[in-house]
Amino acid sequence: MEESNAAIFQNEKLLKANEVAELLNVSRAMSYHLMQSGQIPVVRINRAVRVKPGDLRSFIEQQRVTS
């Protein structure tokens, strides 16, 4: 059972604000704003703030605009 848990965590590395910014092609300040405003859900570990990749994918999908 421990091996399957390790595989799950290995594939879902939590993202830092600068990584979120890079993936969204926005400034780091903008990524912090999106995280602080709750538009992108975060995981808090003491003072560190991280984003689950799945939550970032959901945010991107919610931003899609169809003509």
PDB file of N, CA and C in Angstrom:
ATOM      1  N   MET A   1       0.812  -1.190   0.000  1.00  0.00           N
ATOM      2  CA  MET A   1       0.000   0.000   0.000  1.00  0.00           C
ATOM      3  C   MET A   1       0.860   1.260   0.000  1.00  0.00           C
ATOM      4  N   GLU A   2       1.990   1.245   0.670  1.00  0.00           N
ATOM      5  CA  GLU A   2       2.861   2.409   0.725  1.00  0.00           C
ATOM      6  C   GLU A   2       3.396   2.767  -0.653  1.00  0.00           C
ATOM      7  N   GLU A   3       3.642   1.779  -1.501  1.00  0.00           N
ATOM      8  CA  GLU A   3       4.170   2.058  -2.834  1.00  0.00           C
ATOM      9  C   GLU A   3       3.154   2.835  -3.661  1.00  0.00           C
ATOM     10  N   SER A   4       1.889   2.496  -3.572  1.00  0.00           N
ATOM     11  CA  SER A   4       0.880   3.213  -4.350  1.00  0.00           C
ATOM     12  C   SER A   4       0.745   4.655  -3.862  1.00  0.00           C
ATOM     13  N   ASN A   5       0.837   4.882  -2.555  1.00  0.00           N
ATOM     14  CA  ASN A   5       0.789   6.248  -2.028  1.00  0.00           C
ATOM     15  C   ASN A   5       1.984   7.050  -2.507  1.00  0.00           C
ATOM     16  N   ALA A   6       3.145   6.440  -2.539  1.00  0.00           N
ATOM     17  CA  ALA A   6       4.346   7.126  -3.004  1.00  0.00           C
ATOM     18  C   ALA A   6       4.207   7.512  -4.468  1.00  0.00           C
ATOM     19  N   ALA A   7       3.622   6.655  -5.278  1.00  0.00           N
ATOM     20  CA  ALA A   7       3.434   6.951  -6.700  1.00  0.00           C
ATOM     21  C   ALA A   7       2.488   8.131  -6.888  1.00  0.00           C
ATOM     22  N   ILE A   8       1.453   8.206  -6.084  1.00  0.00           N
ATOM     23  CA  ILE A   8       0.504   9.321  -6.176  1.00  0.00           C
ATOM     24  C   ILE A   8       1.208  10.633  -5.871  1.00  0.00           C
ATOM     25  N   PHE A   9       1.961  10.679  -4.791  1.00  0.00           N
ATOM     26  CA  PHE A   9       2.640  11.914  -4.420  1.00  0.00           C
ATOM     27  C   PHE A   9       3.750  12.271  -5.404  1.00  0.00           C
ATOM     28  N   GLN A  10       4.389  11.293  -5.969  1.00  0.00           N
ATOM     29  CA  GLN A  10       5.464  11.555  -6.919  1.00  0.00           C
ATOM     30  C   GLN A  10       4.926  12.250  -8.164  1.00  0.00           C
ATOM     31  N   ASN A  11       3.746  11.891  -8.603  1.00  0.00           N
ATOM     32  CA  ASN A  11       3.172  12.474  -9.810  1.00  0.00           C
ATOM     33  C   ASN A  11       2.498  13.812  -9.556  1.00  0.00           C
ATOM     34  N   GLU A  12       2.246  14.174  -8.325  1.00  0.00           N
ATOM     35  CA  GLU A  12       1.529  15.401  -7.999  1.00  0.00           C
ATOM     36  C   GLU A  12       2.394  16.325  -7.154  1.00  0.00           C
ATOM     37  N   LYS A  13       3.527  16.740  -7.685  1.00  0.00           N
ATOM     38  CA  LYS A  13       4.407  17.658  -6.977  1.00  0.00           C
ATOM     39  C   LYS A  13       3.701  19.002  -6.806  1.00  0.00           C
ATOM     40  N   LEU A  14       3.672  19.515  -5.599  1.00  0.00           N
ATOM     41  CA  LEU A  14       3.056  20.813  -5.341  1.00  0.00           C
ATOM     42  C   LEU A  14       3.884  21.907  -6.002  1.00  0.00           C
ATOM     43  N   LEU A  15       3.196  22.891  -6.556  1.00  0.00           N
ATOM     44  CA  LEU A  15       3.846  23.954  -7.309  1.00  0.00           C
ATOM     45  C   LEU A  15       4.040  25.209  -6.469  1.00  0.00           C
ATOM     46  N   LYS A  16       5.187  25.857  -6.650  1.00  0.00           N
ATOM     47  CA  LYS A  16       5.461  27.137  -6.006  1.00  0.00           C
ATOM     48  C   LYS A  16       4.856  28.248  -6.854  1.00  0.00           C
ATOM     49  N   ALA A  17       4.747  29.442  -6.278  1.00  0.00           N
ATOM     50  CA  ALA A  17       4.141  30.580  -6.968  1.00  0.00           C
ATOM     51  C   ALA A  17       4.870  30.904  -8.268  1.00  0.00           C
ATOM     52  N   ASN A  18       6.196  30.820  -8.261  1.00  0.00           N
ATOM     53  CA  ASN A  18       6.931  31.127  -9.487  1.00  0.00           C
ATOM     54  C   ASN A  18       6.690  30.062 -10.561  1.00  0.00           C
ATOM     55  N   GLU A  19       6.453  28.815 -10.162  1.00  0.00           N
ATOM     56  CA  GLU A  19       6.137  27.766 -11.131  1.00  0.00           C
ATOM     57  C   GLU A  19       4.740  27.976 -11.712  1.00  0.00           C
ATOM     58  N   VAL A  20       3.801  28.391 -10.860  1.00  0.00           N
ATOM     59  CA  VAL A  20       2.450  28.711 -11.325  1.00  0.00           C
ATOM     60  C   VAL A  20       2.531  29.860 -12.328  1.00  0.00           C
ATOM     61  N   ALA A  21       3.294  30.885 -11.993  1.00  0.00           N
ATOM     62  CA  ALA A  21       3.447  32.042 -12.879  1.00  0.00           C
ATOM     63  C   ALA A  21       4.016  31.624 -14.228  1.00  0.00           C
ATOM     64  N   GLU A  22       5.013  30.778 -14.202  1.00  0.00           N
ATOM     65  CA  GLU A  22       5.631  30.317 -15.442  1.00  0.00           C
ATOM     66  C   GLU A  22       4.639  29.521 -16.294  1.00  0.00           C
ATOM     67  N   LEU A  23       3.883  28.646 -15.662  1.00  0.00           N
ATOM     68  CA  LEU A  23       2.914  27.831 -16.396  1.00  0.00           C
ATOM     69  C   LEU A  23       1.784  28.672 -16.981  1.00  0.00           C
ATOM     70  N   LEU A  24       1.393  29.737 -16.287  1.00  0.00           N
ATOM     71  CA  LEU A  24       0.324  30.610 -16.765  1.00  0.00           C
ATOM     72  C   LEU A  24       0.843  31.744 -17.651  1.00  0.00           C
ATOM     73  N   ASN A  25       2.165  31.888 -17.709  1.00  0.00           N
ATOM     74  CA  ASN A  25       2.804  32.965 -18.465  1.00  0.00           C
ATOM     75  C   ASN A  25       2.354  34.339 -17.949  1.00  0.00           C
ATOM     76  N   VAL A  26       2.360  34.470 -16.618  1.00  0.00           N
ATOM     77  CA  VAL A  26       2.041  35.732 -15.949  1.00  0.00           C
ATOM     78  C   VAL A  26       3.164  36.026 -14.949  1.00  0.00           C
ATOM     79  N   SER A  27       3.113  37.214 -14.350  1.00  0.00           N
ATOM     80  CA  SER A  27       4.129  37.564 -13.358  1.00  0.00           C
ATOM     81  C   SER A  27       3.922  36.767 -12.069  1.00  0.00           C
ATOM     82  N   ARG A  28       4.963  36.719 -11.273  1.00  0.00           N
ATOM     83  CA  ARG A  28       4.862  36.041  -9.983  1.00  0.00           C
ATOM     84  C   ARG A  28       3.865  36.771  -9.083  1.00  0.00           C
ATOM     85  N   ALA A  29       3.847  38.103  -9.177  1.00  0.00           N
ATOM     86  CA  ALA A  29       2.894  38.898  -8.390  1.00  0.00           C
ATOM     87  C   ALA A  29       1.452  38.530  -8.765  1.00  0.00           C
ATOM     88  N   MET A  30       1.200  38.323 -10.048  1.00  0.00           N
ATOM     89  CA  MET A  30      -0.141  37.951 -10.486  1.00  0.00           C
ATOM     90  C   MET A  30      -0.501  36.563  -9.963  1.00  0.00           C
ATOM     91  N   SER A  31       0.451  35.650  -9.971  1.00  0.00           N
ATOM     92  CA  SER A  31       0.149  34.310  -9.457  1.00  0.00           C
ATOM     93  C   SER A  31      -0.165  34.374  -7.966  1.00  0.00           C
ATOM     94  N   TYR A  32       0.564  35.199  -7.207  1.00  0.00           N
ATOM     95  CA  TYR A  32       0.256  35.377  -5.784  1.00  0.00           C
ATOM     96  C   TYR A  32      -1.136  35.983  -5.608  1.00  0.00           C
ATOM     97  N   HIS A  33      -1.478  36.952  -6.451  1.00  0.00           N
ATOM     98  CA  HIS A  33      -2.799  37.574  -6.363  1.00  0.00           C
ATOM     99  C   HIS A  33      -3.901  36.533  -6.585  1.00  0.00           C
ATOM    100  N   LEU A  34      -3.748  35.705  -7.612  1.00  0.00           N
ATOM    101  CA  LEU A  34      -4.743  34.668  -7.904  1.00  0.00           C
ATOM    102  C   LEU A  34      -4.866  33.679  -6.747  1.00  0.00           C
ATOM    103  N   MET A  35      -3.741  33.390  -6.104  1.00  0.00           N
ATOM    104  CA  MET A  35      -3.739  32.457  -4.988  1.00  0.00           C
ATOM    105  C   MET A  35      -4.347  33.096  -3.739  1.00  0.00           C
ATOM    106  N   GLN A  36      -3.973  34.342  -3.453  1.00  0.00           N
ATOM    107  CA  GLN A  36      -4.476  35.022  -2.256  1.00  0.00           C
ATOM    108  C   GLN A  36      -5.965  35.328  -2.346  1.00  0.00           C
ATOM    109  N   SER A  37      -6.449  35.582  -3.558  1.00  0.00           N
ATOM    110  CA  SER A  37      -7.865  35.910  -3.726  1.00  0.00           C
ATOM    111  C   SER A  37      -8.749  34.663  -3.732  1.00  0.00           C
ATOM    112  N   GLY A  38      -8.119  33.490  -3.738  1.00  0.00           N
ATOM    113  CA  GLY A  38      -8.880  32.245  -3.708  1.00  0.00           C
ATOM    114  C   GLY A  38      -9.286  31.730  -5.079  1.00  0.00           C
ATOM    115  N   GLN A  39      -8.881  32.427  -6.135  1.00  0.00           N
ATOM    116  CA  GLN A  39      -9.213  31.962  -7.477  1.00  0.00           C
ATOM    117  C   GLN A  39      -8.489  30.652  -7.802  1.00  0.00           C
ATOM    118  N   ILE A  40      -7.283  30.518  -7.272  1.00  0.00           N
ATOM    119  CA  ILE A  40      -6.538  29.260  -7.363  1.00  0.00           C
ATOM    120  C   ILE A  40      -6.410  28.735  -5.937  1.00  0.00           C
ATOM    121  N   PRO A  41      -6.973  27.554  -5.642  1.00  0.00           N
ATOM    122  CA  PRO A  41      -6.866  26.993  -4.280  1.00  0.00           C
ATOM    123  C   PRO A  41      -5.409  26.689  -3.923  1.00  0.00           C
ATOM    124  N   VAL A  42      -5.080  26.848  -2.657  1.00  0.00           N
ATOM    125  CA  VAL A  42      -3.706  26.629  -2.205  1.00  0.00           C
ATOM    126  C   VAL A  42      -3.642  25.623  -1.060  1.00  0.00           C
ATOM    127  N   VAL A  43      -2.446  25.108  -0.862  1.00  0.00           N
ATOM    128  CA  VAL A  43      -2.109  24.266   0.286  1.00  0.00           C
ATOM    129  C   VAL A  43      -1.102  25.069   1.101  1.00  0.00           C
ATOM    130  N   ARG A  44      -1.392  25.291   2.371  1.00  0.00           N
ATOM    131  CA  ARG A  44      -0.475  26.039   3.228  1.00  0.00           C
ATOM    132  C   ARG A  44       0.303  25.066   4.116  1.00  0.00           C
ATOM    133  N   ILE A  45       1.620  25.233   4.100  1.00  0.00           N
ATOM    134  CA  ILE A  45       2.512  24.456   4.953  1.00  0.00           C
ATOM    135  C   ILE A  45       3.349  25.479   5.715  1.00  0.00           C
ATOM    136  N   ASN A  46       2.941  25.733   6.956  1.00  0.00           N
ATOM    137  CA  ASN A  46       3.501  26.850   7.726  1.00  0.00           C
ATOM    138  C   ASN A  46       3.332  28.125   6.914  1.00  0.00           C
ATOM    139  N   ARG A  47       4.439  28.767   6.536  1.00  0.00           N
ATOM    140  CA  ARG A  47       4.350  30.001   5.757  1.00  0.00           C
ATOM    141  C   ARG A  47       4.410  29.749   4.260  1.00  0.00           C
ATOM    142  N   ALA A  48       4.729  28.548   3.859  1.00  0.00           N
ATOM    143  CA  ALA A  48       4.833  28.219   2.435  1.00  0.00           C
ATOM    144  C   ALA A  48       3.439  28.015   1.841  1.00  0.00           C
ATOM    145  N   VAL A  49       3.262  28.502   0.635  1.00  0.00           N
ATOM    146  CA  VAL A  49       1.993  28.365  -0.085  1.00  0.00           C
ATOM    147  C   VAL A  49       2.282  27.602  -1.365  1.00  0.00           C
ATOM    148  N   ARG A  50       1.530  26.530  -1.592  1.00  0.00           N
ATOM    149  CA  ARG A  50       1.732  25.685  -2.775  1.00  0.00           C
ATOM    150  C   ARG A  50       0.400  25.418  -3.454  1.00  0.00           C
ATOM    151  N   VAL A  51       0.479  25.001  -4.725  1.00  0.00           N
ATOM    152  CA  VAL A  51      -0.718  24.721  -5.516  1.00  0.00           C
ATOM    153  C   VAL A  51      -0.637  23.294  -6.053  1.00  0.00           C
ATOM    154  N   LYS A  52      -1.740  22.568  -5.926  1.00  0.00           N
ATOM    155  CA  LYS A  52      -1.816  21.230  -6.502  1.00  0.00           C
ATOM    156  C   LYS A  52      -1.992  21.372  -8.015  1.00  0.00           C
ATOM    157  N   PRO A  53      -1.262  20.599  -8.808  1.00  0.00           N
ATOM    158  CA  PRO A  53      -1.388  20.685 -10.263  1.00  0.00           C
ATOM    159  C   PRO A  53      -2.815  20.512 -10.760  1.00  0.00           C
ATOM    160  N   GLY A  54      -3.580  19.643 -10.143  1.00  0.00           N
ATOM    161  CA  GLY A  54      -4.968  19.435 -10.540  1.00  0.00           C
ATOM    162  C   GLY A  54      -5.815  20.677 -10.328  1.00  0.00           C
ATOM    163  N   ASP A  55      -5.547  21.401  -9.243  1.00  0.00           N
ATOM    164  CA  ASP A  55      -6.273  22.641  -8.988  1.00  0.00           C
ATOM    165  C   ASP A  55      -5.923  23.705 -10.027  1.00  0.00           C
ATOM    166  N   LEU A  56      -4.662  23.727 -10.448  1.00  0.00           N
ATOM    167  CA  LEU A  56      -4.260  24.675 -11.478  1.00  0.00           C
ATOM    168  C   LEU A  56      -4.925  24.326 -12.812  1.00  0.00           C
ATOM    169  N   ARG A  57      -4.990  23.044 -13.126  1.00  0.00           N
ATOM    170  CA  ARG A  57      -5.670  22.616 -14.360  1.00  0.00           C
ATOM    171  C   ARG A  57      -7.141  23.026 -14.317  1.00  0.00           C
ATOM    172  N   SER A  58      -7.791  22.856 -13.182  1.00  0.00           N
ATOM    173  CA  SER A  58      -9.198  23.250 -13.034  1.00  0.00           C
ATOM    174  C   SER A  58      -9.365  24.748 -13.227  1.00  0.00           C
ATOM    175  N   PHE A  59      -8.466  25.530 -12.648  1.00  0.00           N
ATOM    176  CA  PHE A  59      -8.517  26.977 -12.806  1.00  0.00           C
ATOM    177  C   PHE A  59      -8.414  27.352 -14.287  1.00  0.00           C
ATOM    178  N   ILE A  60      -7.490  26.739 -14.986  1.00  0.00           N
ATOM    179  CA  ILE A  60      -7.301  27.041 -16.410  1.00  0.00           C
ATOM    180  C   ILE A  60      -8.563  26.696 -17.193  1.00  0.00           C
ATOM    181  N   GLU A  61      -9.147  25.557 -16.916  1.00  0.00           N
ATOM    182  CA  GLU A  61     -10.372  25.150 -17.625  1.00  0.00           C
ATOM    183  C   GLU A  61     -11.519  26.121 -17.356  1.00  0.00           C
ATOM    184  N   GLN A  62     -11.591  26.643 -16.134  1.00  0.00           N
ATOM    185  CA  GLN A  62     -12.664  27.580 -15.782  1.00  0.00           C
ATOM    186  C   GLN A  62     -12.487  28.922 -16.502  1.00  0.00           C
ATOM    187  N   GLN A  63     -11.274  29.233 -16.910  1.00  0.00           N
ATOM    188  CA  GLN A  63     -10.996  30.505 -17.568  1.00  0.00           C
ATOM    189  C   GLN A  63     -11.246  30.458 -19.070  1.00  0.00           C
ATOM    190  N   ARG A  64     -11.471  29.279 -19.616  1.00  0.00           N
ATOM    191  CA  ARG A  64     -11.673  29.167 -21.058  1.00  0.00           C
ATOM    192  C   ARG A  64     -12.923  29.915 -21.486  1.00  0.00           C
ATOM    193  N   VAL A  65     -12.797  30.619 -22.593  1.00  0.00           N
ATOM    194  CA  VAL A  65     -13.897  31.390 -23.153  1.00  0.00           C
ATOM    195  C   VAL A  65     -14.201  30.836 -24.538  1.00  0.00           C
ATOM    196  N   THR A  66     -15.464  30.514 -24.764  1.00  0.00           N
ATOM    197  CA  THR A  66     -15.852  30.037 -26.095  1.00  0.00           C
ATOM    198  C   THR A  66     -16.602  31.146 -26.808  1.00  0.00           C
ATOM    199  N   SER A  67     -16.406  31.216 -28.087  1.00  0.00           N
ATOM    200  CA  SER A  67     -17.043  32.287 -28.888  1.00  0.00           C
ATOM    201  C   SER A  67     -18.483  31.979 -29.168  1.00  0.00           C
TER     202      SER A  67
END
